[in-house]
Amino acid sequence: MNLIKLVEDSFANEAVKSYPEFKAGDTITVTFKIKEGDKERLQKFRGVVIQIKGATEATRTFTIRKISSGVGVEKIVPFQSPSIDSIEVNKHGKVRRARIFYLRELSGKKARIKERKYVAKEEE
C-alpha cells in the first residue's frame, strides 16, 4: 500500500490545475484540446455530471453525459488530464444522490434536473 501511495503522491506534486467546484447533477462545459497532426483545436463538451469518483487528486475522475442526435454519450474524464483546457459550470442541479445513473433510463422531460436556488442573505 505504501508503494501505491508513494507513486500517487509523486504524480500529485506535478502542476495541479484548479477548476470550479461542481458535483453530480451540475451541467458543465469541458473544453478539450485536440491535436490533429501538427494542428491543435479546442472542442467543447457540455453535459450533466453523473458521478465523481476517486479518493486522491491524482486518481479523481468525473463522468459527463449528454444526448447527441437522440443517442446518449458519456465521457469519463480524469481531473488531471492534460487535454482539459477549461471547465465552466453552467447550472447547479438539485439532486439527492452522488451518482445519478438513473438518468440513463430517462428521456425527454423526465430527464430534466431542477436547478438549485440560492437565497441571498440580507446583512443586518
N, C-alpha and C. Protein backbone atom coordinates (compact mmCIF):
# COMPACT_ATOMS: atom_id res chain seq x y z
N MET A 1 0.82 -1.20 0.00
CA MET A 1 0.00 0.00 0.00
C MET A 1 0.86 1.27 0.00
N ASN A 2 1.98 1.24 0.70
CA ASN A 2 2.83 2.43 0.75
C ASN A 2 3.44 2.75 -0.60
N LEU A 3 3.75 1.74 -1.41
CA LEU A 3 4.31 1.98 -2.74
C LEU A 3 3.30 2.68 -3.64
N ILE A 4 2.04 2.26 -3.57
CA ILE A 4 1.00 2.89 -4.38
C ILE A 4 0.83 4.34 -3.97
N LYS A 5 0.80 4.59 -2.68
CA LYS A 5 0.65 5.96 -2.19
C LYS A 5 1.84 6.83 -2.60
N LEU A 6 3.02 6.25 -2.57
CA LEU A 6 4.23 6.98 -2.96
C LEU A 6 4.17 7.40 -4.43
N VAL A 7 3.73 6.50 -5.30
CA VAL A 7 3.62 6.81 -6.72
C VAL A 7 2.53 7.86 -6.96
N GLU A 8 1.39 7.73 -6.29
CA GLU A 8 0.31 8.71 -6.45
C GLU A 8 0.76 10.09 -5.99
N ASP A 9 1.50 10.16 -4.88
CA ASP A 9 1.98 11.45 -4.39
C ASP A 9 2.97 12.09 -5.36
N SER A 10 3.79 11.26 -6.02
CA SER A 10 4.75 11.82 -6.97
C SER A 10 4.03 12.44 -8.17
N PHE A 11 2.92 11.82 -8.60
CA PHE A 11 2.14 12.40 -9.69
C PHE A 11 1.36 13.63 -9.22
N ALA A 12 0.93 13.63 -7.98
CA ALA A 12 0.15 14.75 -7.45
C ALA A 12 1.00 16.00 -7.29
N ASN A 13 2.30 15.86 -7.14
CA ASN A 13 3.16 17.01 -6.95
C ASN A 13 3.38 17.81 -8.23
N GLU A 14 3.03 17.23 -9.38
CA GLU A 14 3.15 17.97 -10.63
C GLU A 14 2.13 19.10 -10.64
N ALA A 15 2.14 19.88 -11.69
CA ALA A 15 1.26 21.05 -11.78
C ALA A 15 -0.20 20.64 -11.58
N VAL A 16 -0.78 21.07 -10.48
CA VAL A 16 -2.16 20.75 -10.16
C VAL A 16 -3.05 21.87 -10.68
N LYS A 17 -3.98 21.52 -11.55
CA LYS A 17 -4.89 22.50 -12.11
C LYS A 17 -6.02 22.75 -11.12
N SER A 18 -6.54 23.96 -11.12
CA SER A 18 -7.67 24.26 -10.26
C SER A 18 -8.89 24.55 -11.14
N TYR A 19 -9.99 23.91 -10.81
CA TYR A 19 -11.22 24.06 -11.55
C TYR A 19 -12.31 24.51 -10.59
N PRO A 20 -13.41 25.07 -11.12
CA PRO A 20 -14.51 25.44 -10.24
C PRO A 20 -15.12 24.18 -9.60
N GLU A 21 -15.69 24.35 -8.42
CA GLU A 21 -16.29 23.21 -7.73
C GLU A 21 -17.61 22.85 -8.39
N PHE A 22 -17.81 21.56 -8.59
CA PHE A 22 -19.07 21.06 -9.12
C PHE A 22 -19.29 19.68 -8.55
N LYS A 23 -20.55 19.22 -8.63
CA LYS A 23 -20.87 17.88 -8.14
C LYS A 23 -21.93 17.27 -9.04
N ALA A 24 -22.37 16.07 -8.71
CA ALA A 24 -23.34 15.36 -9.53
C ALA A 24 -24.61 16.20 -9.69
N GLY A 25 -25.12 16.23 -10.91
CA GLY A 25 -26.32 16.99 -11.21
C GLY A 25 -26.04 18.34 -11.84
N ASP A 26 -24.81 18.81 -11.74
CA ASP A 26 -24.45 20.10 -12.33
C ASP A 26 -24.23 19.95 -13.83
N THR A 27 -24.60 20.97 -14.58
CA THR A 27 -24.34 21.00 -16.01
C THR A 27 -23.06 21.79 -16.22
N ILE A 28 -22.07 21.15 -16.87
CA ILE A 28 -20.79 21.81 -17.08
C ILE A 28 -20.39 21.74 -18.54
N THR A 29 -19.49 22.63 -18.93
CA THR A 29 -18.90 22.61 -20.26
C THR A 29 -17.40 22.40 -20.08
N VAL A 30 -16.91 21.30 -20.65
CA VAL A 30 -15.49 20.99 -20.59
C VAL A 30 -14.90 21.28 -21.97
N THR A 31 -13.85 22.08 -22.01
CA THR A 31 -13.18 22.40 -23.26
C THR A 31 -11.92 21.55 -23.35
N PHE A 32 -11.86 20.71 -24.39
CA PHE A 32 -10.73 19.81 -24.59
C PHE A 32 -9.80 20.36 -25.66
N LYS A 33 -8.49 20.15 -25.48
CA LYS A 33 -7.51 20.44 -26.52
C LYS A 33 -7.34 19.16 -27.34
N ILE A 34 -7.60 19.26 -28.65
CA ILE A 34 -7.50 18.09 -29.52
C ILE A 34 -6.40 18.34 -30.54
N LYS A 35 -5.44 17.40 -30.60
CA LYS A 35 -4.35 17.51 -31.55
C LYS A 35 -4.66 16.65 -32.77
N GLU A 36 -4.58 17.26 -33.95
CA GLU A 36 -4.76 16.55 -35.21
C GLU A 36 -3.55 16.86 -36.08
N GLY A 37 -2.63 15.93 -36.13
CA GLY A 37 -1.39 16.17 -36.86
C GLY A 37 -0.56 17.20 -36.13
N ASP A 38 -0.23 18.29 -36.81
CA ASP A 38 0.54 19.36 -36.17
C ASP A 38 -0.36 20.51 -35.72
N LYS A 39 -1.67 20.39 -35.97
CA LYS A 39 -2.61 21.43 -35.55
C LYS A 39 -3.24 21.08 -34.22
N GLU A 40 -3.70 22.09 -33.51
CA GLU A 40 -4.39 21.90 -32.25
C GLU A 40 -5.65 22.76 -32.25
N ARG A 41 -6.77 22.17 -31.81
CA ARG A 41 -8.03 22.92 -31.76
C ARG A 41 -8.72 22.65 -30.43
N LEU A 42 -9.71 23.46 -30.12
CA LEU A 42 -10.49 23.31 -28.89
C LEU A 42 -11.87 22.79 -29.23
N GLN A 43 -12.34 21.83 -28.43
CA GLN A 43 -13.68 21.27 -28.63
C GLN A 43 -14.40 21.28 -27.29
N LYS A 44 -15.65 21.75 -27.29
CA LYS A 44 -16.43 21.83 -26.07
C LYS A 44 -17.38 20.65 -25.97
N PHE A 45 -17.54 20.13 -24.75
CA PHE A 45 -18.46 19.03 -24.47
C PHE A 45 -19.30 19.48 -23.29
N ARG A 46 -20.59 19.71 -23.53
CA ARG A 46 -21.48 20.19 -22.48
C ARG A 46 -22.43 19.08 -22.08
N GLY A 47 -22.51 18.80 -20.78
CA GLY A 47 -23.39 17.75 -20.31
C GLY A 47 -23.57 17.80 -18.80
N VAL A 48 -24.28 16.81 -18.29
CA VAL A 48 -24.58 16.71 -16.86
C VAL A 48 -23.57 15.78 -16.20
N VAL A 49 -23.04 16.18 -15.07
CA VAL A 49 -22.13 15.33 -14.32
C VAL A 49 -22.97 14.26 -13.65
N ILE A 50 -22.69 12.97 -13.95
CA ILE A 50 -23.46 11.91 -13.33
C ILE A 50 -22.71 11.23 -12.20
N GLN A 51 -21.40 11.42 -12.12
CA GLN A 51 -20.66 10.90 -10.98
C GLN A 51 -19.28 11.53 -10.89
N ILE A 52 -18.76 11.59 -9.68
CA ILE A 52 -17.37 11.96 -9.42
C ILE A 52 -16.79 10.82 -8.61
N LYS A 53 -15.64 10.31 -9.05
CA LYS A 53 -15.09 9.10 -8.46
C LYS A 53 -13.61 9.30 -8.17
N GLY A 54 -13.10 8.69 -7.11
CA GLY A 54 -11.68 8.74 -6.81
C GLY A 54 -11.42 9.40 -5.47
N ALA A 55 -10.43 8.88 -4.76
CA ALA A 55 -10.14 9.38 -3.42
C ALA A 55 -9.12 10.51 -3.43
N THR A 56 -8.05 10.35 -4.18
CA THR A 56 -6.99 11.36 -4.18
C THR A 56 -7.10 12.23 -5.42
N GLU A 57 -6.43 13.36 -5.37
CA GLU A 57 -6.45 14.28 -6.51
C GLU A 57 -5.87 13.64 -7.76
N ALA A 58 -4.89 12.74 -7.59
CA ALA A 58 -4.25 12.12 -8.74
C ALA A 58 -5.16 11.11 -9.43
N THR A 59 -6.11 10.53 -8.70
CA THR A 59 -6.94 9.47 -9.27
C THR A 59 -8.40 9.87 -9.50
N ARG A 60 -8.76 11.12 -9.22
CA ARG A 60 -10.16 11.54 -9.35
C ARG A 60 -10.58 11.65 -10.81
N THR A 61 -11.79 11.17 -11.10
CA THR A 61 -12.38 11.28 -12.42
C THR A 61 -13.84 11.73 -12.28
N PHE A 62 -14.39 12.25 -13.36
CA PHE A 62 -15.81 12.57 -13.38
C PHE A 62 -16.39 12.12 -14.70
N THR A 63 -17.68 11.79 -14.68
CA THR A 63 -18.38 11.31 -15.86
C THR A 63 -19.41 12.34 -16.28
N ILE A 64 -19.39 12.71 -17.55
CA ILE A 64 -20.34 13.68 -18.10
C ILE A 64 -21.23 12.96 -19.10
N ARG A 65 -22.52 13.29 -19.10
CA ARG A 65 -23.47 12.66 -20.03
C ARG A 65 -24.25 13.74 -20.77
N LYS A 66 -24.42 13.52 -22.08
CA LYS A 66 -25.27 14.40 -22.88
C LYS A 66 -25.98 13.56 -23.92
N ILE A 67 -27.03 14.12 -24.49
CA ILE A 67 -27.76 13.46 -25.56
C ILE A 67 -27.36 14.15 -26.87
N SER A 68 -26.84 13.37 -27.81
CA SER A 68 -26.41 13.90 -29.10
C SER A 68 -27.14 13.13 -30.21
N SER A 69 -27.99 13.81 -30.94
CA SER A 69 -28.79 13.22 -32.03
C SER A 69 -29.62 12.04 -31.53
N GLY A 70 -30.17 12.16 -30.33
CA GLY A 70 -31.02 11.12 -29.77
C GLY A 70 -30.26 9.96 -29.14
N VAL A 71 -28.95 10.03 -29.11
CA VAL A 71 -28.13 8.96 -28.54
C VAL A 71 -27.39 9.51 -27.33
N GLY A 72 -27.41 8.77 -26.23
CA GLY A 72 -26.70 9.18 -25.03
C GLY A 72 -25.20 8.99 -25.18
N VAL A 73 -24.43 10.03 -24.87
CA VAL A 73 -22.97 9.97 -24.97
C VAL A 73 -22.40 10.29 -23.59
N GLU A 74 -21.49 9.45 -23.11
CA GLU A 74 -20.85 9.68 -21.82
C GLU A 74 -19.34 9.74 -22.01
N LYS A 75 -18.70 10.63 -21.26
CA LYS A 75 -17.24 10.73 -21.26
C LYS A 75 -16.76 10.64 -19.83
N ILE A 76 -15.76 9.81 -19.60
CA ILE A 76 -15.10 9.72 -18.30
C ILE A 76 -13.81 10.50 -18.42
N VAL A 77 -13.65 11.53 -17.58
CA VAL A 77 -12.53 12.45 -17.72
C VAL A 77 -11.74 12.50 -16.41
N PRO A 78 -10.44 12.27 -16.44
CA PRO A 78 -9.62 12.46 -15.24
C PRO A 78 -9.46 13.95 -14.94
N PHE A 79 -9.47 14.32 -13.66
CA PHE A 79 -9.30 15.72 -13.28
C PHE A 79 -7.94 16.24 -13.73
N GLN A 80 -6.92 15.42 -13.68
CA GLN A 80 -5.57 15.86 -14.00
C GLN A 80 -5.19 15.60 -15.46
N SER A 81 -6.17 15.49 -16.35
CA SER A 81 -5.90 15.24 -17.76
C SER A 81 -5.25 16.46 -18.41
N PRO A 82 -4.16 16.26 -19.14
CA PRO A 82 -3.53 17.41 -19.82
C PRO A 82 -4.35 17.91 -21.00
N SER A 83 -5.33 17.13 -21.46
CA SER A 83 -6.13 17.56 -22.61
C SER A 83 -7.26 18.50 -22.22
N ILE A 84 -7.50 18.71 -20.93
CA ILE A 84 -8.54 19.65 -20.49
C ILE A 84 -7.99 21.06 -20.55
N ASP A 85 -8.68 21.93 -21.28
CA ASP A 85 -8.29 23.33 -21.34
C ASP A 85 -8.98 24.12 -20.23
N SER A 86 -10.30 23.93 -20.09
CA SER A 86 -11.04 24.64 -19.05
C SER A 86 -12.33 23.91 -18.74
N ILE A 87 -12.87 24.21 -17.56
CA ILE A 87 -14.17 23.69 -17.15
C ILE A 87 -15.01 24.87 -16.69
N GLU A 88 -16.24 24.93 -17.20
CA GLU A 88 -17.15 26.01 -16.84
C GLU A 88 -18.45 25.41 -16.32
N VAL A 89 -18.91 25.88 -15.16
CA VAL A 89 -20.17 25.39 -14.59
C VAL A 89 -21.30 26.26 -15.14
N ASN A 90 -22.27 25.61 -15.83
CA ASN A 90 -23.38 26.34 -16.42
C ASN A 90 -24.58 26.41 -15.48
N LYS A 91 -24.93 25.28 -14.85
CA LYS A 91 -26.08 25.24 -13.93
C LYS A 91 -25.74 24.32 -12.77
N HIS A 92 -26.25 24.66 -11.60
CA HIS A 92 -26.13 23.79 -10.44
C HIS A 92 -27.43 23.03 -10.29
N GLY A 93 -27.36 21.72 -10.40
CA GLY A 93 -28.56 20.89 -10.33
C GLY A 93 -28.90 20.48 -8.91
N LYS A 94 -30.18 20.22 -8.69
CA LYS A 94 -30.66 19.79 -7.38
C LYS A 94 -30.96 18.30 -7.44
N VAL A 95 -30.04 17.48 -6.94
CA VAL A 95 -30.22 16.03 -6.90
C VAL A 95 -29.91 15.56 -5.49
N ARG A 96 -30.40 14.37 -5.16
CA ARG A 96 -30.22 13.85 -3.81
C ARG A 96 -29.28 12.66 -3.75
N ARG A 97 -28.59 12.41 -4.82
CA ARG A 97 -27.65 11.29 -4.89
C ARG A 97 -26.30 11.75 -5.42
N ALA A 98 -25.26 11.00 -5.08
CA ALA A 98 -23.92 11.32 -5.56
C ALA A 98 -23.68 10.74 -6.95
N ARG A 99 -24.39 9.67 -7.28
CA ARG A 99 -24.25 9.04 -8.59
C ARG A 99 -25.64 8.90 -9.19
N ILE A 100 -25.89 9.62 -10.26
CA ILE A 100 -27.25 9.69 -10.80
C ILE A 100 -27.36 8.89 -12.09
N PHE A 101 -27.12 7.58 -11.97
CA PHE A 101 -27.18 6.69 -13.12
C PHE A 101 -28.61 6.48 -13.61
N TYR A 102 -29.60 6.85 -12.81
CA TYR A 102 -30.99 6.68 -13.23
C TYR A 102 -31.32 7.56 -14.43
N LEU A 103 -30.50 8.56 -14.73
CA LEU A 103 -30.73 9.40 -15.91
C LEU A 103 -30.59 8.61 -17.21
N ARG A 104 -29.87 7.49 -17.17
CA ARG A 104 -29.66 6.70 -18.38
C ARG A 104 -30.96 6.13 -18.91
N GLU A 105 -31.89 5.79 -18.03
CA GLU A 105 -33.17 5.21 -18.46
C GLU A 105 -34.21 6.27 -18.81
N LEU A 106 -34.00 7.52 -18.40
CA LEU A 106 -34.98 8.57 -18.63
C LEU A 106 -34.73 9.27 -19.95
N SER A 107 -35.80 9.82 -20.54
CA SER A 107 -35.65 10.58 -21.77
C SER A 107 -36.66 11.72 -21.78
N GLY A 108 -36.38 12.72 -22.58
CA GLY A 108 -37.29 13.85 -22.72
C GLY A 108 -37.37 14.69 -21.47
N LYS A 109 -38.60 15.10 -21.11
CA LYS A 109 -38.79 15.98 -19.96
C LYS A 109 -38.47 15.30 -18.65
N LYS A 110 -38.59 13.99 -18.60
CA LYS A 110 -38.29 13.27 -17.35
C LYS A 110 -36.81 13.34 -17.00
N ALA A 111 -35.96 13.56 -17.98
CA ALA A 111 -34.52 13.59 -17.75
C ALA A 111 -34.03 14.96 -17.30
N ARG A 112 -34.94 15.90 -17.10
CA ARG A 112 -34.55 17.23 -16.63
C ARG A 112 -34.14 17.18 -15.17
N ILE A 113 -33.23 18.06 -14.81
CA ILE A 113 -32.80 18.20 -13.42
C ILE A 113 -33.15 19.62 -12.98
N LYS A 114 -33.81 19.73 -11.82
CA LYS A 114 -34.17 21.04 -11.32
C LYS A 114 -32.92 21.80 -10.91
N GLU A 115 -33.00 23.13 -11.00
CA GLU A 115 -31.86 23.96 -10.66
C GLU A 115 -31.90 24.33 -9.18
N ARG A 116 -30.73 24.33 -8.56
CA ARG A 116 -30.63 24.73 -7.15
C ARG A 116 -30.84 26.22 -7.04
N LYS A 117 -31.60 26.64 -6.07
CA LYS A 117 -31.86 28.05 -5.83
C LYS A 117 -31.01 28.52 -4.66
N TYR A 118 -30.37 29.65 -4.83
CA TYR A 118 -29.60 30.24 -3.74
C TYR A 118 -30.30 31.50 -3.30
N VAL A 119 -30.52 31.60 -1.99
CA VAL A 119 -31.17 32.78 -1.44
C VAL A 119 -30.10 33.65 -0.83
N ALA A 120 -30.01 34.90 -1.27
CA ALA A 120 -29.02 35.83 -0.73
C ALA A 120 -29.49 36.29 0.64
N LYS A 121 -28.60 36.18 1.63
CA LYS A 121 -28.95 36.61 2.99
C LYS A 121 -28.73 38.12 3.12
N GLU A 122 -29.68 38.76 3.78
CA GLU A 122 -29.57 40.19 3.98
C GLU A 122 -28.67 40.47 5.17
N GLU A 123 -27.85 41.51 5.02
CA GLU A 123 -26.97 41.90 6.14
C GLU A 123 -27.74 42.84 7.04
N GLU A 124 -27.57 42.63 8.34
CA GLU A 124 -28.28 43.48 9.31
C GLU A 124 -27.39 44.50 9.93
